[in-house]
Structure formats: structure tokens, C-alpha cells
């Protein structure tokens, strides 16, 4: 059987990670608040840890939210610096053939 030709991989999709992690974090806290009134019943049936699992999920979600926001901001800064660098090289015309500015190059 002949093999099908390989196609190049598509570029990765950009997602709103902050919204996804934020939504999950909110759901963990909602589950904690919803289970808290039933703590006695849950404990009597051997499930007393469920509200605390939800609370820990929400707290870990806050850490994830901080990380995703920092990552998003770093990506935005990198793209802005890249755009500013390519714009200044095009306007000043001081870039070498390899795309680097000779004034900032270290030999």
C-alpha cells in the first residue's frame, strides 16, 4: 500500500489561556461553595475531603492564572520588541545582510 505524502504541520493555534484558566478557577471555587453546606453529610458518607479538594483546585488555579498572565505579557513584550527592532532596521537601513545591527554586534 503506498504511503500518503506528508504535509507540513499547521502553525499552533493561539488560545486565550487566561480566560480558560480563569473559568476553571471560578468553577473550582463555585464547587467549593456549593459543597460546603453539605460537609456533614459528605463526611458521614466518607467524602468529607471533597470541599477541600475543590478549594485546593481553586487556589492552584490562582497560581495558574498568575502564570498565564505573566506568559501572555511576556509574549506580547517579545512581539513588540521584535516589531520595533525590525521597523527600526528598515527605517535606518543599518542592518547587516544577516539582519543584525552592526553597532550592537559583538565579534
N, C-alpha and C. Protein backbone atom coordinates (compact mmCIF):
# COMPACT_ATOMS: atom_id res chain seq x y z
N UNK A 1 0.85 -1.17 0.00
CA UNK A 1 0.00 0.00 0.00
C UNK A 1 0.90 1.24 0.00
N UNK A 2 0.67 2.17 -0.93
CA UNK A 2 1.52 3.37 -0.97
C UNK A 2 1.20 4.32 0.18
N UNK A 3 2.24 4.95 0.65
CA UNK A 3 2.05 5.93 1.73
C UNK A 3 1.54 7.24 1.17
N UNK A 4 0.77 7.93 1.97
CA UNK A 4 0.31 9.25 1.56
C UNK A 4 1.42 10.24 1.82
N UNK A 5 1.52 11.28 1.01
CA UNK A 5 2.60 12.26 1.23
C UNK A 5 2.39 13.02 2.53
N UNK A 6 3.50 13.35 3.16
CA UNK A 6 3.44 14.11 4.41
C UNK A 6 3.25 15.59 4.12
N UNK A 7 2.41 16.20 4.88
CA UNK A 7 2.16 17.63 4.76
C UNK A 7 2.80 18.33 5.95
N UNK A 8 3.23 19.57 5.78
CA UNK A 8 3.82 20.27 6.93
C UNK A 8 2.77 20.50 8.01
N UNK A 9 3.24 20.54 9.24
CA UNK A 9 2.34 20.77 10.37
C UNK A 9 1.78 22.18 10.32
N UNK A 10 0.53 22.35 10.68
CA UNK A 10 -0.02 23.71 10.72
C UNK A 10 0.56 24.46 11.91
N UNK A 11 0.53 25.78 11.85
CA UNK A 11 1.04 26.55 13.00
C UNK A 11 0.15 26.33 14.22
N UNK A 12 0.71 26.46 15.42
CA UNK A 12 -0.11 26.25 16.62
C UNK A 12 -1.20 27.30 16.74
N UNK A 13 -2.33 26.89 17.28
CA UNK A 13 -3.44 27.82 17.47
C UNK A 13 -3.19 28.68 18.70
N UNK A 14 -3.55 29.92 18.60
CA UNK A 14 -3.46 30.82 19.74
C UNK A 14 -4.78 30.73 20.50
N UNK A 15 -4.70 30.51 21.79
CA UNK A 15 -5.90 30.43 22.62
C UNK A 15 -5.80 31.48 23.72
N UNK A 16 -6.92 31.81 24.28
CA UNK A 16 -6.96 32.76 25.39
C UNK A 16 -6.79 31.95 26.68
N UNK A 17 -5.54 31.66 27.02
CA UNK A 17 -5.25 30.82 28.18
C UNK A 17 -5.74 31.44 29.48
N UNK A 18 -5.68 32.75 29.57
CA UNK A 18 -6.11 33.43 30.80
C UNK A 18 -7.61 33.19 31.03
N UNK A 19 -8.40 33.26 29.99
CA UNK A 19 -9.84 33.04 30.14
C UNK A 19 -10.14 31.58 30.48
N UNK A 20 -9.39 30.66 29.88
CA UNK A 20 -9.63 29.24 30.13
C UNK A 20 -9.28 28.90 31.58
N UNK A 21 -8.11 29.32 32.03
CA UNK A 21 -7.69 29.02 33.40
C UNK A 21 -8.56 29.78 34.40
N UNK A 22 -8.93 31.01 34.08
CA UNK A 22 -9.81 31.78 34.96
C UNK A 22 -11.17 31.14 35.10
N UNK A 23 -11.73 30.63 34.00
CA UNK A 23 -13.02 29.94 34.06
C UNK A 23 -12.95 28.68 34.91
N UNK A 24 -11.87 27.91 34.74
CA UNK A 24 -11.71 26.71 35.56
C UNK A 24 -11.55 27.03 37.03
N UNK A 25 -10.83 28.10 37.32
CA UNK A 25 -10.63 28.51 38.71
C UNK A 25 -11.96 28.91 39.35
N UNK A 26 -12.76 29.65 38.62
CA UNK A 26 -14.07 30.05 39.13
C UNK A 26 -14.93 28.82 39.39
N UNK A 27 -14.88 27.84 38.50
CA UNK A 27 -15.67 26.62 38.70
C UNK A 27 -15.24 25.86 39.95
N UNK A 28 -13.93 25.81 40.21
CA UNK A 28 -13.46 25.14 41.43
C UNK A 28 -14.00 25.84 42.68
N UNK A 29 -13.96 27.19 42.69
CA UNK A 29 -14.47 27.92 43.85
C UNK A 29 -15.98 27.78 43.99
N UNK A 30 -16.71 27.75 42.88
CA UNK A 30 -18.16 27.55 42.93
C UNK A 30 -18.47 26.17 43.50
N UNK A 31 -17.70 25.16 43.08
CA UNK A 31 -17.91 23.82 43.62
C UNK A 31 -17.63 23.78 45.12
N UNK A 32 -16.61 24.50 45.56
CA UNK A 32 -16.31 24.55 47.00
C UNK A 32 -17.47 25.16 47.77
N UNK A 33 -17.97 26.29 47.29
CA UNK A 33 -19.08 26.96 47.98
C UNK A 33 -20.33 26.09 47.94
N UNK A 34 -20.55 25.38 46.83
CA UNK A 34 -21.75 24.54 46.73
C UNK A 34 -21.67 23.33 47.65
N UNK A 35 -20.49 22.78 47.88
CA UNK A 35 -20.35 21.59 48.72
C UNK A 35 -20.21 21.91 50.21
N UNK A 36 -19.84 23.12 50.53
CA UNK A 36 -19.59 23.47 51.92
C UNK A 36 -20.80 23.25 52.84
N UNK A 37 -22.03 23.59 52.43
CA UNK A 37 -23.17 23.33 53.33
C UNK A 37 -23.43 21.85 53.58
N UNK A 38 -22.92 20.99 52.72
CA UNK A 38 -23.15 19.55 52.85
C UNK A 38 -21.97 18.83 53.48
N UNK A 39 -21.11 19.56 54.17
CA UNK A 39 -19.91 18.97 54.76
C UNK A 39 -20.24 17.83 55.71
N UNK A 40 -21.25 17.99 56.54
CA UNK A 40 -21.64 16.94 57.49
C UNK A 40 -22.10 15.67 56.79
N UNK A 41 -22.95 15.82 55.79
CA UNK A 41 -23.44 14.66 55.05
C UNK A 41 -22.32 13.99 54.28
N UNK A 42 -21.47 14.79 53.67
CA UNK A 42 -20.34 14.22 52.92
C UNK A 42 -19.41 13.46 53.85
N UNK A 43 -19.14 14.01 55.03
CA UNK A 43 -18.26 13.34 55.99
C UNK A 43 -18.87 12.03 56.48
N UNK A 44 -20.19 12.03 56.68
CA UNK A 44 -20.86 10.81 57.15
C UNK A 44 -20.78 9.69 56.12
N UNK A 45 -20.68 10.04 54.85
CA UNK A 45 -20.61 9.03 53.78
C UNK A 45 -19.18 8.82 53.29
N UNK A 46 -18.20 9.35 53.99
CA UNK A 46 -16.80 9.13 53.63
C UNK A 46 -16.25 10.03 52.55
N UNK A 47 -16.94 11.14 52.28
CA UNK A 47 -16.49 12.06 51.24
C UNK A 47 -16.21 13.46 51.81
N UNK A 48 -15.75 13.54 53.02
CA UNK A 48 -15.54 14.82 53.68
C UNK A 48 -14.43 15.66 53.09
N UNK A 49 -13.59 15.06 52.26
CA UNK A 49 -12.49 15.82 51.67
C UNK A 49 -12.89 16.56 50.38
N UNK A 50 -14.05 16.28 49.82
CA UNK A 50 -14.44 16.88 48.55
C UNK A 50 -14.41 18.41 48.56
N UNK A 51 -14.99 19.09 49.57
CA UNK A 51 -14.92 20.56 49.53
C UNK A 51 -13.48 21.08 49.57
N UNK A 52 -12.63 20.39 50.31
CA UNK A 52 -11.25 20.86 50.44
C UNK A 52 -10.45 20.58 49.17
N UNK A 53 -10.83 19.55 48.45
CA UNK A 53 -10.21 19.31 47.14
C UNK A 53 -10.59 20.44 46.19
N UNK A 54 -11.84 20.86 46.24
CA UNK A 54 -12.29 21.98 45.40
C UNK A 54 -11.58 23.27 45.77
N UNK A 55 -11.40 23.50 47.07
CA UNK A 55 -10.69 24.70 47.50
C UNK A 55 -9.24 24.68 47.01
N UNK A 56 -8.58 23.53 47.12
CA UNK A 56 -7.20 23.46 46.66
C UNK A 56 -7.12 23.62 45.15
N UNK A 57 -8.12 23.11 44.42
CA UNK A 57 -8.16 23.33 42.98
C UNK A 57 -8.29 24.80 42.64
N UNK A 58 -9.11 25.52 43.39
CA UNK A 58 -9.25 26.96 43.16
C UNK A 58 -7.98 27.72 43.47
N UNK A 59 -7.30 27.35 44.55
CA UNK A 59 -6.06 28.03 44.91
C UNK A 59 -4.95 27.74 43.89
N UNK A 60 -4.88 26.49 43.44
CA UNK A 60 -3.91 26.17 42.39
C UNK A 60 -4.25 26.88 41.08
N UNK A 61 -5.55 27.07 40.85
CA UNK A 61 -5.98 27.83 39.67
C UNK A 61 -5.52 29.28 39.73
N UNK A 62 -5.47 29.86 40.94
CA UNK A 62 -4.96 31.23 41.07
C UNK A 62 -3.48 31.30 40.69
N UNK A 63 -2.72 30.27 41.06
CA UNK A 63 -1.31 30.22 40.66
C UNK A 63 -1.21 30.09 39.14
N UNK A 64 -2.06 29.23 38.56
CA UNK A 64 -2.07 29.08 37.12
C UNK A 64 -2.48 30.35 36.41
N UNK A 65 -3.40 31.08 36.99
CA UNK A 65 -3.83 32.35 36.41
C UNK A 65 -2.70 33.36 36.42
N UNK A 66 -1.96 33.42 37.52
CA UNK A 66 -0.81 34.31 37.59
C UNK A 66 0.22 33.93 36.52
N UNK A 67 0.48 32.63 36.37
CA UNK A 67 1.46 32.17 35.38
C UNK A 67 1.02 32.50 33.96
N UNK A 68 -0.25 32.26 33.63
CA UNK A 68 -0.75 32.52 32.28
C UNK A 68 -0.72 34.00 31.95
N UNK A 69 -1.02 34.85 32.92
CA UNK A 69 -0.96 36.29 32.67
C UNK A 69 0.47 36.75 32.45
N UNK A 70 1.40 36.21 33.24
CA UNK A 70 2.81 36.57 33.05
C UNK A 70 3.32 36.09 31.70
N UNK A 71 2.92 34.90 31.29
CA UNK A 71 3.32 34.36 30.00
C UNK A 71 2.75 35.18 28.85
N UNK A 72 1.46 35.55 28.95
CA UNK A 72 0.82 36.36 27.92
C UNK A 72 1.52 37.71 27.78
N UNK A 73 1.84 38.33 28.91
CA UNK A 73 2.51 39.63 28.87
C UNK A 73 3.92 39.51 28.30
N UNK A 74 4.64 38.43 28.63
CA UNK A 74 5.99 38.24 28.09
C UNK A 74 5.95 38.02 26.58
N UNK A 75 4.97 37.27 26.10
CA UNK A 75 4.84 37.06 24.66
C UNK A 75 4.53 38.38 23.97
N UNK A 76 3.67 39.19 24.55
CA UNK A 76 3.33 40.49 23.96
C UNK A 76 4.55 41.40 23.94
N UNK A 77 5.34 41.40 25.03
CA UNK A 77 6.56 42.22 25.04
C UNK A 77 7.55 41.75 23.98
N UNK A 78 7.69 40.44 23.83
CA UNK A 78 8.61 39.91 22.83
C UNK A 78 8.19 40.27 21.42
N UNK A 79 6.89 40.17 21.14
CA UNK A 79 6.41 40.55 19.81
C UNK A 79 6.57 42.04 19.55
N UNK A 80 6.34 42.85 20.58
CA UNK A 80 6.51 44.30 20.41
C UNK A 80 7.97 44.65 20.17
N UNK A 81 8.88 44.01 20.91
CA UNK A 81 10.30 44.28 20.72
C UNK A 81 10.76 43.81 19.34
N UNK A 82 10.25 42.67 18.89
CA UNK A 82 10.60 42.16 17.58
C UNK A 82 10.09 43.09 16.49
N UNK A 83 8.86 43.58 16.64
CA UNK A 83 8.30 44.50 15.66
C UNK A 83 9.05 45.82 15.66
N UNK A 84 9.41 46.33 16.85
CA UNK A 84 10.14 47.59 16.93
C UNK A 84 11.54 47.43 16.35
N UNK A 85 12.17 46.29 16.57
CA UNK A 85 13.50 46.05 16.04
C UNK A 85 13.51 45.96 14.54
N UNK A 86 12.55 45.27 13.96
CA UNK A 86 12.52 45.15 12.50
C UNK A 86 12.13 46.47 11.86
N UNK A 87 11.28 47.26 12.52
CA UNK A 87 10.90 48.56 11.98
C UNK A 87 12.08 49.52 12.00
N UNK A 88 12.85 49.55 13.09
CA UNK A 88 13.98 50.48 13.18
C UNK A 88 15.07 50.09 12.20
N UNK A 89 15.27 48.80 11.95
CA UNK A 89 16.27 48.38 10.98
C UNK A 89 15.86 48.76 9.57
N UNK A 90 14.57 48.67 9.27
CA UNK A 90 14.11 49.03 7.94
C UNK A 90 14.19 50.53 7.72
N UNK A 91 13.90 51.33 8.75
CA UNK A 91 13.89 52.78 8.57
C UNK A 91 15.30 53.36 8.58
N UNK A 92 16.22 52.80 9.37
CA UNK A 92 17.57 53.35 9.41
C UNK A 92 18.48 52.71 8.38
N UNK A 93 18.16 51.50 7.97
CA UNK A 93 18.97 50.83 6.96
C UNK A 93 20.34 50.42 7.47
N UNK A 94 20.48 50.14 8.76
CA UNK A 94 21.78 49.83 9.32
C UNK A 94 21.97 48.35 9.57
N UNK A 95 21.07 47.51 9.09
CA UNK A 95 21.19 46.09 9.35
C UNK A 95 22.17 45.45 8.38
N UNK A 96 22.92 44.48 8.86
CA UNK A 96 23.79 43.68 8.00
C UNK A 96 22.95 42.77 7.12
N UNK A 97 23.62 42.01 6.31
CA UNK A 97 22.93 41.03 5.49
C UNK A 97 22.29 39.94 6.32
N UNK A 98 22.82 39.70 7.53
CA UNK A 98 22.23 38.66 8.37
C UNK A 98 21.13 39.21 9.28
N UNK A 99 20.74 40.47 9.14
CA UNK A 99 19.62 41.02 9.88
C UNK A 99 19.97 41.62 11.21
N UNK A 100 21.26 41.67 11.56
CA UNK A 100 21.64 42.24 12.85
C UNK A 100 22.24 43.63 12.64
N UNK A 101 22.09 44.45 13.64
CA UNK A 101 22.62 45.80 13.59
C UNK A 101 24.12 45.74 13.89
N UNK A 102 24.98 46.28 12.98
CA UNK A 102 26.43 46.19 13.23
C UNK A 102 26.89 46.97 14.45
N UNK A 103 26.12 47.97 14.88
CA UNK A 103 26.54 48.75 16.05
C UNK A 103 26.37 47.95 17.33
N UNK A 104 25.47 46.99 17.35
CA UNK A 104 25.24 46.21 18.56
C UNK A 104 25.83 44.80 18.48
N UNK A 105 26.46 44.48 17.39
CA UNK A 105 27.02 43.14 17.20
C UNK A 105 28.31 43.00 17.96
N UNK A 106 28.51 41.87 18.61
CA UNK A 106 29.78 41.61 19.28
C UNK A 106 30.52 40.54 18.48
N UNK A 107 31.74 40.83 18.11
CA UNK A 107 32.51 39.88 17.28
C UNK A 107 33.31 38.96 18.09
